[in-house]
Structure formats: C-alpha cells, structure tokens
Amino acid sequence: AHDGISAAVRPAHTIWDGDTAFALATGETEADQRSIEAIA
C-alpha cells in the first residue's frame, strides 16, 4: 500500500509525513500474494 502512496504522491514518506497504511483481509478466497500486492 505504501508503494501505492509513492506512485501517486511525490515526494512521500518525508520527515514531515506520518504516512500510515492499514491492511485488512477478510479471508473469503485464496489468491496469489504477488497478484494481491500488485493490484493493491
């Protein structure tokens, strides 16, 4: 998710930022981790 922040915000994660990303997984289906992260 932080990679998504970096893709849309320039610059991100600076000394002035408090960028925070939460992840929630409800557990209904199996999926490849790489696919989930790329889509995220």
PDB file of all heavy atoms in Angstrom:
ATOM      1  N   ALA A   1       0.831  -1.202   0.000  1.00  0.00           N
ATOM      2  CA  ALA A   1       0.000   0.000   0.000  1.00  0.00           C
ATOM      3  C   ALA A   1       0.868   1.256   0.000  1.00  0.00           C
ATOM      4  O   ALA A   1       0.530   2.269  -0.625  1.00  0.00           O
ATOM      5  CB  ALA A   1      -0.940  -0.007   1.193  1.00  0.00           C
ATOM      6  N   HIS A   2       1.997   1.206   0.696  1.00  0.00           N
ATOM      7  CA  HIS A   2       2.907   2.346   0.686  1.00  0.00           C
ATOM      8  C   HIS A   2       3.515   2.562  -0.698  1.00  0.00           C
ATOM      9  O   HIS A   2       3.822   3.699  -1.079  1.00  0.00           O
ATOM     10  CB  HIS A   2       4.004   2.155   1.733  1.00  0.00           C
ATOM     11  CG  HIS A   2       3.589   2.559   3.106  1.00  0.00           C
ATOM     12  ND1 HIS A   2       3.465   3.875   3.497  1.00  0.00           N
ATOM     13  CD2 HIS A   2       3.245   1.809   4.193  1.00  0.00           C
ATOM     14  CE1 HIS A   2       3.074   3.929   4.758  1.00  0.00           C
ATOM     15  NE2 HIS A   2       2.938   2.696   5.202  1.00  0.00           N
ATOM     16  N   ASP A   3       3.701   1.475  -1.446  1.00  0.00           N
ATOM     17  CA  ASP A   3       4.142   1.640  -2.832  1.00  0.00           C
ATOM     18  C   ASP A   3       3.087   2.392  -3.640  1.00  0.00           C
ATOM     19  O   ASP A   3       3.413   3.181  -4.537  1.00  0.00           O
ATOM     20  CB  ASP A   3       4.423   0.283  -3.472  1.00  0.00           C
ATOM     21  CG  ASP A   3       5.636  -0.412  -2.877  1.00  0.00           C
ATOM     22  OD1 ASP A   3       6.476   0.279  -2.267  1.00  0.00           O
ATOM     23  OD2 ASP A   3       5.738  -1.648  -3.014  1.00  0.00           O
ATOM     24  N   GLY A   4       1.820   2.151  -3.328  1.00  0.00           N
ATOM     25  CA  GLY A   4       0.747   2.897  -3.980  1.00  0.00           C
ATOM     26  C   GLY A   4       0.783   4.368  -3.621  1.00  0.00           C
ATOM     27  O   GLY A   4       0.517   5.230  -4.468  1.00  0.00           O
ATOM     28  N   ILE A   5       1.118   4.678  -2.358  1.00  0.00           N
ATOM     29  CA  ILE A   5       1.277   6.081  -1.966  1.00  0.00           C
ATOM     30  C   ILE A   5       2.400   6.729  -2.770  1.00  0.00           C
ATOM     31  O   ILE A   5       2.249   7.818  -3.320  1.00  0.00           O
ATOM     32  CB  ILE A   5       1.553   6.189  -0.447  1.00  0.00           C
ATOM     33  CG1 ILE A   5       0.336   5.720   0.365  1.00  0.00           C
ATOM     34  CG2 ILE A   5       1.912   7.627  -0.079  1.00  0.00           C
ATOM     35  CD1 ILE A   5       0.567   5.676   1.861  1.00  0.00           C
ATOM     36  N   SER A   6       3.528   6.024  -2.866  1.00  0.00           N
ATOM     37  CA  SER A   6       4.670   6.566  -3.601  1.00  0.00           C
ATOM     38  C   SER A   6       4.362   6.760  -5.085  1.00  0.00           C
ATOM     39  O   SER A   6       4.903   7.659  -5.730  1.00  0.00           O
ATOM     40  CB  SER A   6       5.883   5.644  -3.452  1.00  0.00           C
ATOM     41  OG  SER A   6       6.301   5.582  -2.105  1.00  0.00           O
ATOM     42  N   ALA A   7       3.483   5.913  -5.628  1.00  0.00           N
ATOM     43  CA  ALA A   7       3.130   6.024  -7.045  1.00  0.00           C
ATOM     44  C   ALA A   7       2.285   7.261  -7.329  1.00  0.00           C
ATOM     45  O   ALA A   7       2.316   7.791  -8.438  1.00  0.00           O
ATOM     46  CB  ALA A   7       2.383   4.774  -7.493  1.00  0.00           C
ATOM     47  N   ALA A   8       1.539   7.730  -6.332  1.00  0.00           N
ATOM     48  CA  ALA A   8       0.613   8.831  -6.554  1.00  0.00           C
ATOM     49  C   ALA A   8       1.046  10.136  -5.912  1.00  0.00           C
ATOM     50  O   ALA A   8       0.545  11.200  -6.284  1.00  0.00           O
ATOM     51  CB  ALA A   8      -0.780   8.460  -6.053  1.00  0.00           C
ATOM     52  N   VAL A   9       1.941  10.081  -4.938  1.00  0.00           N
ATOM     53  CA  VAL A   9       2.350  11.274  -4.197  1.00  0.00           C
ATOM     54  C   VAL A   9       3.859  11.444  -4.329  1.00  0.00           C
ATOM     55  O   VAL A   9       4.619  10.524  -4.004  1.00  0.00           O
ATOM     56  CB  VAL A   9       1.968  11.173  -2.703  1.00  0.00           C
ATOM     57  CG1 VAL A   9       2.453  12.410  -1.948  1.00  0.00           C
ATOM     58  CG2 VAL A   9       0.459  11.008  -2.542  1.00  0.00           C
ATOM     59  N   ARG A  10       4.291  12.612  -4.787  1.00  0.00           N
ATOM     60  CA  ARG A  10       5.718  12.904  -4.966  1.00  0.00           C
ATOM     61  C   ARG A  10       6.059  14.234  -4.290  1.00  0.00           C
ATOM     62  O   ARG A  10       5.537  15.270  -4.686  1.00  0.00           O
ATOM     63  CB  ARG A  10       6.051  13.000  -6.456  1.00  0.00           C
ATOM     64  CG  ARG A  10       5.571  11.844  -7.315  1.00  0.00           C
ATOM     65  CD  ARG A  10       6.480  10.640  -7.204  1.00  0.00           C
ATOM     66  NE  ARG A  10       5.945   9.506  -7.947  1.00  0.00           N
ATOM     67  CZ  ARG A  10       6.046   9.340  -9.268  1.00  0.00           C
ATOM     68  NH1 ARG A  10       6.660  10.250 -10.002  1.00  0.00           N
ATOM     69  NH2 ARG A  10       5.547   8.256  -9.858  1.00  0.00           N
ATOM     70  N   PRO A  11       6.940  14.248  -3.279  1.00  0.00           N
ATOM     71  CA  PRO A  11       7.503  13.095  -2.590  1.00  0.00           C
ATOM     72  C   PRO A  11       6.547  12.581  -1.521  1.00  0.00           C
ATOM     73  O   PRO A  11       5.630  13.292  -1.097  1.00  0.00           O
ATOM     74  CB  PRO A  11       8.767  13.669  -1.949  1.00  0.00           C
ATOM     75  CG  PRO A  11       8.379  15.084  -1.629  1.00  0.00           C
ATOM     76  CD  PRO A  11       7.492  15.523  -2.778  1.00  0.00           C
ATOM     77  N   ALA A  12       6.802  11.355  -1.079  1.00  0.00           N
ATOM     78  CA  ALA A  12       6.052  10.763   0.031  1.00  0.00           C
ATOM     79  C   ALA A  12       7.044  10.321   1.100  1.00  0.00           C
ATOM     80  O   ALA A  12       8.247  10.271   0.883  1.00  0.00           O
ATOM     81  CB  ALA A  12       5.238   9.570  -0.467  1.00  0.00           C
ATOM     82  N   HIS A  13       6.513   9.989   2.273  1.00  0.00           N
ATOM     83  CA  HIS A  13       7.311   9.416   3.359  1.00  0.00           C
ATOM     84  C   HIS A  13       8.454  10.326   3.803  1.00  0.00           C
ATOM     85  O   HIS A  13       9.537   9.857   4.149  1.00  0.00           O
ATOM     86  CB  HIS A  13       7.878   8.047   2.946  1.00  0.00           C
ATOM     87  CG  HIS A  13       6.856   7.095   2.421  1.00  0.00           C
ATOM     88  ND1 HIS A  13       7.081   6.290   1.324  1.00  0.00           N
ATOM     89  CD2 HIS A  13       5.595   6.822   2.818  1.00  0.00           C
ATOM     90  CE1 HIS A  13       6.015   5.549   1.080  1.00  0.00           C
ATOM     91  NE2 HIS A  13       5.097   5.866   1.983  1.00  0.00           N
ATOM     92  N   THR A  14       8.226  11.634   3.799  1.00  0.00           N
ATOM     93  CA  THR A  14       9.271  12.561   4.207  1.00  0.00           C
ATOM     94  C   THR A  14       9.279  12.726   5.724  1.00  0.00           C
ATOM     95  O   THR A  14       8.427  12.194   6.441  1.00  0.00           O
ATOM     96  CB  THR A  14       9.075  13.943   3.558  1.00  0.00           C
ATOM     97  OG1 THR A  14       7.998  14.616   4.222  1.00  0.00           O
ATOM     98  CG2 THR A  14       8.777  13.813   2.079  1.00  0.00           C
ATOM     99  N   ILE A  15      10.238  13.502   6.217  1.00  0.00           N
ATOM    100  CA  ILE A  15      10.325  13.762   7.652  1.00  0.00           C
ATOM    101  C   ILE A  15       9.083  14.482   8.167  1.00  0.00           C
ATOM    102  O   ILE A  15       8.746  14.412   9.344  1.00  0.00           O
ATOM    103  CB  ILE A  15      11.595  14.583   7.964  1.00  0.00           C
ATOM    104  CG1 ILE A  15      11.855  14.657   9.479  1.00  0.00           C
ATOM    105  CG2 ILE A  15      11.484  15.984   7.372  1.00  0.00           C
ATOM    106  CD1 ILE A  15      12.175  13.339  10.118  1.00  0.00           C
ATOM    107  N   TRP A  16       8.351  15.163   7.256  1.00  0.00           N
ATOM    108  CA  TRP A  16       7.156  15.899   7.645  1.00  0.00           C
ATOM    109  C   TRP A  16       5.892  15.047   7.552  1.00  0.00           C
ATOM    110  O   TRP A  16       4.811  15.511   7.909  1.00  0.00           O
ATOM    111  CB  TRP A  16       6.992  17.132   6.751  1.00  0.00           C
ATOM    112  CG  TRP A  16       8.091  18.131   6.932  1.00  0.00           C
ATOM    113  CD1 TRP A  16       9.161  18.344   6.105  1.00  0.00           C
ATOM    114  CD2 TRP A  16       8.237  19.051   8.004  1.00  0.00           C
ATOM    115  NE1 TRP A  16       9.958  19.340   6.602  1.00  0.00           N
ATOM    116  CE2 TRP A  16       9.417  19.791   7.766  1.00  0.00           C
ATOM    117  CE3 TRP A  16       7.487  19.325   9.152  1.00  0.00           C
ATOM    118  CZ2 TRP A  16       9.862  20.787   8.629  1.00  0.00           C
ATOM    119  CZ3 TRP A  16       7.936  20.319  10.012  1.00  0.00           C
ATOM    120  CH2 TRP A  16       9.100  21.038   9.750  1.00  0.00           C
ATOM    121  N   ASP A  17       5.999  13.838   7.038  1.00  0.00           N
ATOM    122  CA  ASP A  17       4.828  12.993   6.801  1.00  0.00           C
ATOM    123  C   ASP A  17       4.627  11.962   7.910  1.00  0.00           C
ATOM    124  O   ASP A  17       5.585  11.511   8.535  1.00  0.00           O
ATOM    125  CB  ASP A  17       4.970  12.243   5.468  1.00  0.00           C
ATOM    126  CG  ASP A  17       4.901  13.159   4.260  1.00  0.00           C
ATOM    127  OD1 ASP A  17       3.969  13.984   4.226  1.00  0.00           O
ATOM    128  OD2 ASP A  17       5.768  13.063   3.385  1.00  0.00           O
ATOM    129  N   GLY A  18       3.375  11.578   8.102  1.00  0.00           N
ATOM    130  CA  GLY A  18       3.042  10.488   9.012  1.00  0.00           C
ATOM    131  C   GLY A  18       2.285   9.406   8.263  1.00  0.00           C
ATOM    132  O   GLY A  18       1.291   8.873   8.755  1.00  0.00           O
ATOM    133  N   ASP A  19       2.757   9.090   7.050  1.00  0.00           N
ATOM    134  CA  ASP A  19       2.041   8.160   6.178  1.00  0.00           C
ATOM    135  C   ASP A  19       1.819   6.814   6.870  1.00  0.00           C
ATOM    136  O   ASP A  19       2.763   6.186   7.351  1.00  0.00           O
ATOM    137  CB  ASP A  19       2.828   7.944   4.886  1.00  0.00           C
ATOM    138  CG  ASP A  19       2.983   9.226   4.086  1.00  0.00           C
ATOM    139  OD1 ASP A  19       2.114  10.107   4.204  1.00  0.00           O
ATOM    140  OD2 ASP A  19       3.982   9.349   3.353  1.00  0.00           O
ATOM    141  N   THR A  20       0.574   6.377   6.880  1.00  0.00           N
ATOM    142  CA  THR A  20       0.199   5.137   7.568  1.00  0.00           C
ATOM    143  C   THR A  20      -0.715   4.325   6.663  1.00  0.00           C
ATOM    144  O   THR A  20      -1.666   4.863   6.099  1.00  0.00           O
ATOM    145  CB  THR A  20      -0.528   5.446   8.890  1.00  0.00           C
ATOM    146  OG1 THR A  20       0.325   6.239   9.713  1.00  0.00           O
ATOM    147  CG2 THR A  20      -0.886   4.160   9.621  1.00  0.00           C
ATOM    148  N   ALA A  21      -0.399   3.040   6.533  1.00  0.00           N
ATOM    149  CA  ALA A  21      -1.220   2.135   5.720  1.00  0.00           C
ATOM    150  C   ALA A  21      -1.667   0.956   6.563  1.00  0.00           C
ATOM    151  O   ALA A  21      -0.838   0.280   7.203  1.00  0.00           O
ATOM    152  CB  ALA A  21      -0.435   1.644   4.506  1.00  0.00           C
ATOM    153  N   PHE A  22      -2.967   0.714   6.585  1.00  0.00           N
ATOM    154  CA  PHE A  22      -3.551  -0.440   7.252  1.00  0.00           C
ATOM    155  C   PHE A  22      -3.986  -1.449   6.192  1.00  0.00           C
ATOM    156  O   PHE A  22      -4.458  -1.064   5.121  1.00  0.00           O
ATOM    157  CB  PHE A  22      -4.772  -0.037   8.077  1.00  0.00           C
ATOM    158  CG  PHE A  22      -4.485   0.950   9.170  1.00  0.00           C
ATOM    159  CD1 PHE A  22      -4.797   2.297   9.010  1.00  0.00           C
ATOM    160  CD2 PHE A  22      -3.909   0.538  10.362  1.00  0.00           C
ATOM    161  CE1 PHE A  22      -4.547   3.209  10.022  1.00  0.00           C
ATOM    162  CE2 PHE A  22      -3.644   1.447  11.375  1.00  0.00           C
ATOM    163  CZ  PHE A  22      -3.972   2.791  11.209  1.00  0.00           C
ATOM    164  N   ALA A  23      -3.841  -2.726   6.499  1.00  0.00           N
ATOM    165  CA  ALA A  23      -4.288  -3.799   5.602  1.00  0.00           C
ATOM    166  C   ALA A  23      -5.298  -4.668   6.324  1.00  0.00           C
ATOM    167  O   ALA A  23      -5.090  -5.056   7.479  1.00  0.00           O
ATOM    168  CB  ALA A  23      -3.104  -4.638   5.137  1.00  0.00           C
ATOM    169  N   LEU A  24      -6.395  -4.981   5.644  1.00  0.00           N
ATOM    170  CA  LEU A  24      -7.460  -5.834   6.174  1.00  0.00           C
ATOM    171  C   LEU A  24      -7.683  -7.000   5.218  1.00  0.00           C
ATOM    172  O   LEU A  24      -7.779  -6.793   4.010  1.00  0.00           O
ATOM    173  CB  LEU A  24      -8.764  -5.053   6.321  1.00  0.00           C
ATOM    174  CG  LEU A  24      -8.748  -3.817   7.220  1.00  0.00           C
ATOM    175  CD1 LEU A  24     -10.079  -3.080   7.118  1.00  0.00           C
ATOM    176  CD2 LEU A  24      -8.458  -4.201   8.665  1.00  0.00           C
ATOM    177  N   ALA A  25      -7.774  -8.209   5.761  1.00  0.00           N
ATOM    178  CA  ALA A  25      -8.020  -9.402   4.949  1.00  0.00           C
ATOM    179  C   ALA A  25      -9.171 -10.190   5.564  1.00  0.00           C
ATOM    180  O   ALA A  25      -9.061 -10.686   6.688  1.00  0.00           O
ATOM    181  CB  ALA A  25      -6.765 -10.280   4.872  1.00  0.00           C
ATOM    182  N   THR A  26     -10.275 -10.280   4.823  1.00  0.00           N
ATOM    183  CA  THR A  26     -11.479 -10.912   5.378  1.00  0.00           C
ATOM    184  C   THR A  26     -11.490 -12.433   5.228  1.00  0.00           C
ATOM    185  O   THR A  26     -12.307 -13.106   5.842  1.00  0.00           O
ATOM    186  CB  THR A  26     -12.736 -10.330   4.719  1.00  0.00           C
ATOM    187  OG1 THR A  26     -12.711 -10.615   3.305  1.00  0.00           O
ATOM    188  CG2 THR A  26     -12.803  -8.825   4.916  1.00  0.00           C
ATOM    189  N   GLY A  27     -10.614 -12.999   4.373  1.00  0.00           N
ATOM    190  CA  GLY A  27     -10.398 -14.440   4.351  1.00  0.00           C
ATOM    191  C   GLY A  27     -11.414 -15.262   3.608  1.00  0.00           C
ATOM    192  O   GLY A  27     -11.651 -16.430   3.961  1.00  0.00           O
ATOM    193  N   GLU A  28     -12.010 -14.734   2.550  1.00  0.00           N
ATOM    194  CA  GLU A  28     -13.044 -15.473   1.836  1.00  0.00           C
ATOM    195  C   GLU A  28     -12.518 -16.306   0.670  1.00  0.00           C
ATOM    196  O   GLU A  28     -13.186 -17.232   0.224  1.00  0.00           O
ATOM    197  CB  GLU A  28     -14.112 -14.511   1.309  1.00  0.00           C
ATOM    198  CG  GLU A  28     -14.920 -13.825   2.394  1.00  0.00           C
ATOM    199  CD  GLU A  28     -16.006 -12.956   1.812  1.00  0.00           C
ATOM    200  OE1 GLU A  28     -15.879 -12.551   0.640  1.00  0.00           O
ATOM    201  OE2 GLU A  28     -16.994 -12.692   2.516  1.00  0.00           O
ATOM    202  N   THR A  29     -11.345 -15.947   0.142  1.00  0.00           N
ATOM    203  CA  THR A  29     -10.858 -16.638  -1.045  1.00  0.00           C
ATOM    204  C   THR A  29      -9.343 -16.751  -1.005  1.00  0.00           C
ATOM    205  O   THR A  29      -8.672 -15.972  -0.332  1.00  0.00           O
ATOM    206  CB  THR A  29     -11.295 -15.883  -2.326  1.00  0.00           C
ATOM    207  OG1 THR A  29     -10.972 -16.659  -3.480  1.00  0.00           O
ATOM    208  CG2 THR A  29     -10.591 -14.539  -2.434  1.00  0.00           C
ATOM    209  N   GLU A  30      -8.813 -17.735  -1.719  1.00  0.00           N
ATOM    210  CA  GLU A  30      -7.369 -17.887  -1.850  1.00  0.00           C
ATOM    211  C   GLU A  30      -6.889 -17.066  -3.049  1.00  0.00           C
ATOM    212  O   GLU A  30      -7.569 -16.989  -4.078  1.00  0.00           O
ATOM    213  CB  GLU A  30      -6.994 -19.355  -2.053  1.00  0.00           C
ATOM    214  CG  GLU A  30      -7.309 -20.235  -0.846  1.00  0.00           C
ATOM    215  CD  GLU A  30      -6.396 -19.968   0.332  1.00  0.00           C
ATOM    216  OE1 GLU A  30      -5.353 -19.299   0.145  1.00  0.00           O
ATOM    217  OE2 GLU A  30      -6.715 -20.411   1.448  1.00  0.00           O
ATOM    218  N   ALA A  31      -5.716 -16.461  -2.911  1.00  0.00           N
ATOM    219  CA  ALA A  31      -5.167 -15.662  -4.002  1.00  0.00           C
ATOM    220  C   ALA A  31      -3.659 -15.597  -3.869  1.00  0.00           C
ATOM    221  O   ALA A  31      -3.109 -15.691  -2.766  1.00  0.00           O
ATOM    222  CB  ALA A  31      -5.759 -14.253  -3.997  1.00  0.00           C
ATOM    223  N   ASP A  32      -3.001 -15.435  -4.999  1.00  0.00           N
ATOM    224  CA  ASP A  32      -1.556 -15.312  -5.032  1.00  0.00           C
ATOM    225  C   ASP A  32      -1.127 -13.980  -4.422  1.00  0.00           C
ATOM    226  O   ASP A  32      -1.681 -12.927  -4.762  1.00  0.00           O
ATOM    227  CB  ASP A  32      -1.074 -15.405  -6.488  1.00  0.00           C
ATOM    228  CG  ASP A  32       0.416 -15.195  -6.613  1.00  0.00           C
ATOM    229  OD1 ASP A  32       1.176 -16.086  -6.211  1.00  0.00           O
ATOM    230  OD2 ASP A  32       0.798 -14.115  -7.112  1.00  0.00           O
ATOM    231  N   GLN A  33      -0.145 -14.030  -3.524  1.00  0.00           N
ATOM    232  CA  GLN A  33       0.290 -12.821  -2.832  1.00  0.00           C
ATOM    233  C   GLN A  33       0.772 -11.751  -3.796  1.00  0.00           C
ATOM    234  O   GLN A  33       0.469 -10.563  -3.632  1.00  0.00           O
ATOM    235  CB  GLN A  33       1.405 -13.160  -1.835  1.00  0.00           C
ATOM    236  CG  GLN A  33       1.903 -11.977  -1.013  1.00  0.00           C
ATOM    237  CD  GLN A  33       0.950 -11.563   0.087  1.00  0.00           C
ATOM    238  OE1 GLN A  33       0.071 -12.338   0.466  1.00  0.00           O
ATOM    239  NE2 GLN A  33       1.106 -10.358   0.607  1.00  0.00           N
ATOM    240  N   ARG A  34       1.514 -12.154  -4.816  1.00  0.00           N
ATOM    241  CA  ARG A  34       2.031 -11.164  -5.760  1.00  0.00           C
ATOM    242  C   ARG A  34       0.901 -10.461  -6.495  1.00  0.00           C
ATOM    243  O   ARG A  34       0.979  -9.244  -6.744  1.00  0.00           O
ATOM    244  CB  ARG A  34       2.982 -11.830  -6.750  1.00  0.00           C
ATOM    245  CG  ARG A  34       4.311 -12.270  -6.153  1.00  0.00           C
ATOM    246  CD  ARG A  34       5.130 -13.044  -7.140  1.00  0.00           C
ATOM    247  NE  ARG A  34       4.489 -14.304  -7.507  1.00  0.00           N
ATOM    248  CZ  ARG A  34       4.996 -15.178  -8.368  1.00  0.00           C
ATOM    249  NH1 ARG A  34       6.145 -14.924  -8.969  1.00  0.00           N
ATOM    250  NH2 ARG A  34       4.356 -16.308  -8.641  1.00  0.00           N
ATOM    251  N   SER A  35      -0.135 -11.189  -6.824  1.00  0.00           N
ATOM    252  CA  SER A  35      -1.273 -10.574  -7.505  1.00  0.00           C
ATOM    253  C   SER A  35      -1.987  -9.588  -6.591  1.00  0.00           C
ATOM    254  O   SER A  35      -2.359  -8.485  -7.011  1.00  0.00           O
ATOM    255  CB  SER A  35      -2.246 -11.652  -7.976  1.00  0.00           C
ATOM    256  OG  SER A  35      -1.643 -12.514  -8.913  1.00  0.00           O
ATOM    257  N   ILE A  36      -2.174  -9.986  -5.342  1.00  0.00           N
ATOM    258  CA  ILE A  36      -2.848  -9.099  -4.389  1.00  0.00           C
ATOM    259  C   ILE A  36      -2.075  -7.799  -4.239  1.00  0.00           C
ATOM    260  O   ILE A  36      -2.643  -6.699  -4.292  1.00  0.00           O
ATOM    261  CB  ILE A  36      -2.992  -9.790  -3.016  1.00  0.00           C
ATOM    262  CG1 ILE A  36      -3.784 -11.081  -3.132  1.00  0.00           C
ATOM    263  CG2 ILE A  36      -3.658  -8.841  -2.013  1.00  0.00           C
ATOM    264  CD1 ILE A  36      -3.751 -11.925  -1.873  1.00  0.00           C
ATOM    265  N   GLU A  37      -0.763  -7.913  -4.067  1.00  0.00           N
ATOM    266  CA  GLU A  37       0.052  -6.724  -3.849  1.00  0.00           C
ATOM    267  C   GLU A  37       0.079  -5.829  -5.082  1.00  0.00           C
ATOM    268  O   GLU A  37      -0.003  -4.595  -4.970  1.00  0.00           O
ATOM    269  CB  GLU A  37       1.467  -7.123  -3.446  1.00  0.00           C
ATOM    270  CG  GLU A  37       1.535  -7.776  -2.072  1.00  0.00           C
ATOM    271  CD  GLU A  37       2.945  -8.198  -1.692  1.00  0.00           C
ATOM    272  OE1 GLU A  37       3.904  -7.722  -2.335  1.00  0.00           O
ATOM    273  OE2 GLU A  37       3.096  -8.999  -0.752  1.00  0.00           O
ATOM    274  N   ALA A  38       0.192  -6.424  -6.268  1.00  0.00           N
ATOM    275  CA  ALA A  38       0.219  -5.622  -7.493  1.00  0.00           C
ATOM    276  C   ALA A  38      -1.085  -4.849  -7.671  1.00  0.00           C
ATOM    277  O   ALA A  38      -1.083  -3.660  -8.034  1.00  0.00           O
ATOM    278  CB  ALA A  38       0.485  -6.519  -8.696  1.00  0.00           C
ATOM    279  N   ILE A  39      -2.198  -5.507  -7.409  1.00  0.00           N
ATOM    280  CA  ILE A  39      -3.499  -4.838  -7.531  1.00  0.00           C
ATOM    281  C   ILE A  39      -3.639  -3.771  -6.454  1.00  0.00           C
ATOM    282  O   ILE A  39      -4.187  -2.687  -6.699  1.00  0.00           O
ATOM    283  CB  ILE A  39      -4.641  -5.870  -7.442  1.00  0.00           C
ATOM    284  CG1 ILE A  39      -4.582  -6.827  -8.633  1.00  0.00           C
ATOM    285  CG2 ILE A  39      -5.989  -5.178  -7.371  1.00  0.00           C
ATOM    286  CD1 ILE A  39      -5.540  -7.990  -8.525  1.00  0.00           C
ATOM    287  N   ALA A  40      -3.121  -4.052  -5.256  1.00  0.00           N
ATOM    288  CA  ALA A  40      -3.220  -3.083  -4.161  1.00  0.00           C
ATOM    289  C   ALA A  40      -2.486  -1.792  -4.488  1.00  0.00           C
ATOM    290  O   ALA A  40      -2.972  -0.692  -4.186  1.00  0.00           O
ATOM    291  CB  ALA A  40      -2.671  -3.691  -2.875  1.00  0.00           C
TER     292      ALA A  40
END
